[in-house]
């Protein structure tokens, strides 16, 4: 039997959030000239911005794929796993230890 799935955050909600973020960003965090532009131009800016970054990510993915097929690429290690890196114990705040149920909280 096919179960219907209910999505709380679908495509339309995503688009609405992206538009609101771009309107706020251009309205309050950019230049006065950009803040004075109508909402339609701000929406166009969002589309162009996302398109440019998509093309850059696509080009990077093609370069990585070519390097992997030639055997020239290996994913970089995180700094903590790099050879010769000093490994320190990770600090866990008291509230997180309490929420995990660590009974040695005040020891």
N, C-alpha and C. Protein backbone atom coordinates (compact mmCIF):
# COMPACT_ATOMS: atom_id res chain seq x y z
N UNK A 1 0.83 -1.19 0.00
CA UNK A 1 0.00 0.00 0.00
C UNK A 1 0.87 1.25 0.00
N UNK A 2 0.46 2.22 -0.74
CA UNK A 2 1.19 3.46 -0.86
C UNK A 2 0.82 4.39 0.29
N UNK A 3 1.84 4.86 0.99
CA UNK A 3 1.59 5.78 2.10
C UNK A 3 1.82 7.19 1.61
N UNK A 4 0.93 8.07 2.01
CA UNK A 4 1.12 9.47 1.63
C UNK A 4 2.07 10.12 2.63
N UNK A 5 2.99 10.87 2.12
CA UNK A 5 3.92 11.57 2.99
C UNK A 5 3.54 13.04 3.05
N UNK A 6 3.56 13.55 4.22
CA UNK A 6 3.21 14.96 4.42
C UNK A 6 4.51 15.72 4.65
N UNK A 7 4.75 16.70 3.82
CA UNK A 7 5.96 17.48 3.95
C UNK A 7 5.65 18.78 4.65
N UNK A 8 6.45 19.10 5.65
CA UNK A 8 6.25 20.35 6.36
C UNK A 8 6.98 21.49 5.67
N UNK A 9 8.03 21.17 4.96
CA UNK A 9 8.84 22.19 4.29
C UNK A 9 9.08 21.73 2.87
N UNK A 10 8.22 22.15 1.96
CA UNK A 10 8.32 21.71 0.58
C UNK A 10 8.98 22.75 -0.31
N UNK A 11 8.78 22.56 -1.60
CA UNK A 11 9.41 23.43 -2.59
C UNK A 11 8.94 24.87 -2.45
N UNK A 12 7.64 25.07 -2.30
CA UNK A 12 7.11 26.43 -2.23
C UNK A 12 7.63 27.16 -0.99
N UNK A 13 7.74 26.45 0.13
CA UNK A 13 8.27 27.06 1.34
C UNK A 13 9.74 27.41 1.17
N UNK A 14 10.49 26.55 0.47
CA UNK A 14 11.90 26.83 0.21
C UNK A 14 12.06 28.09 -0.64
N UNK A 15 11.28 28.20 -1.70
CA UNK A 15 11.34 29.37 -2.57
C UNK A 15 10.98 30.63 -1.80
N UNK A 16 9.94 30.54 -0.99
CA UNK A 16 9.53 31.70 -0.19
C UNK A 16 10.64 32.13 0.77
N UNK A 17 11.28 31.18 1.42
CA UNK A 17 12.38 31.50 2.35
C UNK A 17 13.55 32.13 1.61
N UNK A 18 13.90 31.59 0.45
CA UNK A 18 15.01 32.15 -0.31
C UNK A 18 14.71 33.58 -0.75
N UNK A 19 13.48 33.84 -1.19
CA UNK A 19 13.12 35.19 -1.58
C UNK A 19 13.16 36.15 -0.40
N UNK A 20 12.66 35.71 0.74
CA UNK A 20 12.67 36.57 1.92
C UNK A 20 14.11 36.87 2.36
N UNK A 21 14.96 35.85 2.31
CA UNK A 21 16.36 36.06 2.68
C UNK A 21 17.04 37.05 1.75
N UNK A 22 16.78 36.92 0.45
CA UNK A 22 17.42 37.84 -0.49
C UNK A 22 16.89 39.25 -0.33
N UNK A 23 15.60 39.40 -0.06
CA UNK A 23 15.03 40.74 0.14
C UNK A 23 15.62 41.40 1.38
N UNK A 24 15.76 40.64 2.44
CA UNK A 24 16.36 41.20 3.67
C UNK A 24 17.83 41.51 3.44
N UNK A 25 18.55 40.61 2.79
CA UNK A 25 19.98 40.81 2.56
C UNK A 25 20.22 42.07 1.74
N UNK A 26 19.50 42.20 0.65
CA UNK A 26 19.70 43.37 -0.21
C UNK A 26 19.11 44.64 0.39
N UNK A 27 18.10 44.49 1.23
CA UNK A 27 17.45 45.65 1.81
C UNK A 27 18.20 46.26 2.98
N UNK A 28 18.90 45.41 3.74
CA UNK A 28 19.52 45.90 4.98
C UNK A 28 21.03 45.74 5.04
N UNK A 29 21.57 44.83 4.28
CA UNK A 29 23.00 44.50 4.44
C UNK A 29 23.84 44.88 3.23
N UNK A 30 23.30 45.56 2.28
CA UNK A 30 24.06 45.95 1.10
C UNK A 30 24.05 47.48 0.98
N UNK A 31 24.30 48.00 -0.20
CA UNK A 31 24.39 49.44 -0.39
C UNK A 31 22.99 50.07 -0.43
N UNK A 32 22.95 51.39 -0.29
CA UNK A 32 21.68 52.11 -0.33
C UNK A 32 21.01 51.96 -1.70
N UNK A 33 21.81 51.96 -2.76
CA UNK A 33 21.26 51.81 -4.11
C UNK A 33 20.57 50.45 -4.27
N UNK A 34 21.17 49.40 -3.71
CA UNK A 34 20.56 48.08 -3.79
C UNK A 34 19.31 48.00 -2.93
N UNK A 35 19.31 48.68 -1.79
CA UNK A 35 18.16 48.65 -0.90
C UNK A 35 16.95 49.34 -1.52
N UNK A 36 17.19 50.32 -2.38
CA UNK A 36 16.09 51.08 -2.99
C UNK A 36 15.48 50.39 -4.20
N UNK A 37 16.08 49.32 -4.69
CA UNK A 37 15.57 48.63 -5.87
C UNK A 37 14.25 47.94 -5.56
N UNK A 38 13.39 47.78 -6.57
CA UNK A 38 12.12 47.07 -6.34
C UNK A 38 12.37 45.58 -6.08
N UNK A 39 11.36 44.94 -5.50
CA UNK A 39 11.47 43.53 -5.13
C UNK A 39 11.73 42.65 -6.35
N UNK A 40 11.20 43.01 -7.50
CA UNK A 40 11.40 42.18 -8.69
C UNK A 40 12.88 42.12 -9.08
N UNK A 41 13.60 43.23 -8.97
CA UNK A 41 15.04 43.21 -9.27
C UNK A 41 15.82 42.43 -8.22
N UNK A 42 15.37 42.51 -6.97
CA UNK A 42 16.04 41.73 -5.92
C UNK A 42 15.83 40.23 -6.15
N UNK A 43 14.64 39.85 -6.61
CA UNK A 43 14.39 38.44 -6.94
C UNK A 43 15.25 38.01 -8.12
N UNK A 44 15.41 38.89 -9.10
CA UNK A 44 16.27 38.57 -10.25
C UNK A 44 17.72 38.42 -9.79
N UNK A 45 18.16 39.28 -8.87
CA UNK A 45 19.51 39.16 -8.33
C UNK A 45 19.70 37.79 -7.69
N UNK A 46 18.70 37.31 -6.95
CA UNK A 46 18.79 36.00 -6.31
C UNK A 46 18.96 34.91 -7.37
N UNK A 47 18.19 34.96 -8.43
CA UNK A 47 18.29 33.95 -9.49
C UNK A 47 19.67 33.97 -10.14
N UNK A 48 20.18 35.15 -10.44
CA UNK A 48 21.50 35.27 -11.06
C UNK A 48 22.58 34.77 -10.10
N UNK A 49 22.47 35.16 -8.83
CA UNK A 49 23.44 34.75 -7.83
C UNK A 49 23.48 33.22 -7.70
N UNK A 50 22.30 32.60 -7.61
CA UNK A 50 22.25 31.15 -7.48
C UNK A 50 22.76 30.47 -8.75
N UNK A 51 22.46 31.04 -9.93
CA UNK A 51 22.91 30.45 -11.19
C UNK A 51 24.44 30.48 -11.28
N UNK A 52 25.04 31.60 -10.92
CA UNK A 52 26.51 31.72 -10.98
C UNK A 52 27.16 30.72 -10.05
N UNK A 53 26.63 30.60 -8.82
CA UNK A 53 27.24 29.66 -7.88
C UNK A 53 27.00 28.21 -8.30
N UNK A 54 25.86 27.93 -8.93
CA UNK A 54 25.63 26.59 -9.45
C UNK A 54 26.65 26.25 -10.53
N UNK A 55 26.89 27.19 -11.46
CA UNK A 55 27.87 26.94 -12.52
C UNK A 55 29.27 26.72 -11.95
N UNK A 56 29.64 27.49 -10.93
CA UNK A 56 30.96 27.30 -10.31
C UNK A 56 31.06 25.92 -9.66
N UNK A 57 30.00 25.50 -8.96
CA UNK A 57 30.02 24.18 -8.32
C UNK A 57 30.06 23.07 -9.36
N UNK A 58 29.36 23.25 -10.47
CA UNK A 58 29.37 22.25 -11.54
C UNK A 58 30.77 22.13 -12.14
N UNK A 59 31.44 23.28 -12.37
CA UNK A 59 32.79 23.25 -12.91
C UNK A 59 33.76 22.56 -11.95
N UNK A 60 33.63 22.84 -10.65
CA UNK A 60 34.49 22.18 -9.66
C UNK A 60 34.25 20.68 -9.66
N UNK A 61 32.99 20.26 -9.76
CA UNK A 61 32.68 18.83 -9.76
C UNK A 61 33.28 18.14 -10.97
N UNK A 62 33.25 18.80 -12.13
CA UNK A 62 33.85 18.22 -13.35
C UNK A 62 35.36 18.10 -13.18
N UNK A 63 36.00 19.13 -12.60
CA UNK A 63 37.45 19.07 -12.39
C UNK A 63 37.83 17.95 -11.44
N UNK A 64 37.07 17.79 -10.36
CA UNK A 64 37.36 16.73 -9.39
C UNK A 64 37.16 15.37 -10.03
N UNK A 65 36.10 15.22 -10.84
CA UNK A 65 35.85 13.94 -11.50
C UNK A 65 36.98 13.58 -12.46
N UNK A 66 37.47 14.58 -13.20
CA UNK A 66 38.60 14.33 -14.12
C UNK A 66 39.85 13.94 -13.34
N UNK A 67 40.11 14.64 -12.24
CA UNK A 67 41.30 14.34 -11.43
C UNK A 67 41.19 12.96 -10.79
N UNK A 68 39.98 12.60 -10.33
CA UNK A 68 39.80 11.27 -9.73
C UNK A 68 40.00 10.17 -10.76
N UNK A 69 39.49 10.38 -11.97
CA UNK A 69 39.63 9.34 -12.99
C UNK A 69 41.09 9.20 -13.42
N UNK A 70 41.87 10.28 -13.31
CA UNK A 70 43.29 10.22 -13.65
C UNK A 70 44.14 9.78 -12.46
N UNK A 71 43.51 9.60 -11.31
CA UNK A 71 44.24 9.18 -10.12
C UNK A 71 45.05 10.29 -9.48
N UNK A 72 44.72 11.54 -9.78
CA UNK A 72 45.48 12.68 -9.26
C UNK A 72 44.81 13.34 -8.06
N UNK A 73 43.62 12.91 -7.71
CA UNK A 73 42.88 13.58 -6.64
C UNK A 73 42.62 12.64 -5.49
N UNK A 74 42.87 13.10 -4.31
CA UNK A 74 42.43 12.38 -3.11
C UNK A 74 41.83 13.43 -2.18
N UNK A 75 40.69 13.16 -1.58
CA UNK A 75 40.04 14.15 -0.74
C UNK A 75 40.96 14.57 0.40
N UNK A 76 40.98 15.86 0.74
CA UNK A 76 41.85 16.32 1.82
C UNK A 76 41.40 15.79 3.17
N UNK A 77 42.37 15.54 4.03
CA UNK A 77 42.06 15.09 5.39
C UNK A 77 41.70 16.28 6.26
N UNK A 78 40.80 16.07 7.22
CA UNK A 78 40.55 17.15 8.18
C UNK A 78 41.83 17.44 8.96
N UNK A 79 42.01 18.67 9.45
CA UNK A 79 43.25 19.03 10.14
C UNK A 79 43.59 18.10 11.31
N UNK A 80 42.59 17.60 12.02
CA UNK A 80 42.86 16.74 13.17
C UNK A 80 43.42 15.39 12.76
N UNK A 81 43.16 14.96 11.51
CA UNK A 81 43.64 13.65 11.06
C UNK A 81 44.89 13.74 10.21
N UNK A 82 45.35 14.95 9.96
CA UNK A 82 46.55 15.12 9.14
C UNK A 82 47.76 14.51 9.85
N UNK A 83 48.70 13.96 9.11
CA UNK A 83 49.89 13.37 9.73
C UNK A 83 50.63 14.41 10.58
N UNK A 84 51.00 14.00 11.79
CA UNK A 84 51.72 14.88 12.69
C UNK A 84 50.86 15.86 13.45
N UNK A 85 49.54 15.80 13.28
CA UNK A 85 48.66 16.74 14.00
C UNK A 85 48.56 16.34 15.46
N UNK A 86 48.54 17.33 16.33
CA UNK A 86 48.37 17.06 17.76
C UNK A 86 46.90 16.85 18.04
N UNK A 87 46.59 15.78 18.72
CA UNK A 87 45.19 15.47 19.02
C UNK A 87 44.92 15.78 20.48
N UNK A 88 43.97 16.65 20.69
CA UNK A 88 43.58 17.04 22.04
C UNK A 88 42.21 16.46 22.35
N UNK A 89 41.92 16.21 23.62
CA UNK A 89 40.57 15.75 23.95
C UNK A 89 39.57 16.85 23.65
N UNK A 90 38.40 16.44 23.21
CA UNK A 90 37.36 17.41 22.88
C UNK A 90 36.64 17.84 24.14
N UNK A 91 36.50 19.15 24.32
CA UNK A 91 35.79 19.67 25.49
C UNK A 91 34.30 19.49 25.30
N UNK A 92 33.65 18.91 26.30
CA UNK A 92 32.20 18.75 26.28
C UNK A 92 31.64 19.60 27.42
N UNK A 93 30.86 20.62 27.11
CA UNK A 93 30.31 21.47 28.17
C UNK A 93 29.45 20.67 29.14
N UNK A 94 29.34 21.19 30.36
CA UNK A 94 28.62 20.50 31.42
C UNK A 94 27.16 20.23 31.04
N UNK A 95 26.51 21.18 30.38
CA UNK A 95 25.10 21.00 30.01
C UNK A 95 24.94 19.84 29.04
N UNK A 96 25.86 19.69 28.10
CA UNK A 96 25.77 18.56 27.17
C UNK A 96 26.01 17.25 27.88
N UNK A 97 26.96 17.23 28.83
CA UNK A 97 27.18 16.00 29.60
C UNK A 97 25.96 15.65 30.42
N UNK A 98 25.29 16.67 30.97
CA UNK A 98 24.09 16.44 31.76
C UNK A 98 22.98 15.88 30.88
N UNK A 99 22.82 16.42 29.69
CA UNK A 99 21.78 15.95 28.79
C UNK A 99 22.06 14.54 28.28
N UNK A 100 23.33 14.17 28.17
CA UNK A 100 23.69 12.82 27.75
C UNK A 100 23.50 11.81 28.88
N UNK A 101 23.32 12.28 30.10
CA UNK A 101 23.15 11.37 31.23
C UNK A 101 24.45 10.97 31.86
N UNK A 102 25.51 11.76 31.69
CA UNK A 102 26.81 11.47 32.28
C UNK A 102 26.72 11.73 33.79
N UNK A 103 26.84 10.67 34.58
CA UNK A 103 26.70 10.82 36.03
C UNK A 103 27.93 11.41 36.69
N UNK A 104 29.05 11.47 35.95
CA UNK A 104 30.27 12.03 36.52
C UNK A 104 30.37 13.51 36.18
N UNK A 105 29.24 14.21 36.17
CA UNK A 105 29.19 15.60 35.75
C UNK A 105 30.05 16.50 36.62
N UNK A 106 29.98 16.31 37.93
CA UNK A 106 30.71 17.21 38.84
C UNK A 106 31.95 16.53 39.41
N UNK A 107 32.40 15.46 38.81
CA UNK A 107 33.58 14.76 39.32
C UNK A 107 34.85 15.40 38.83
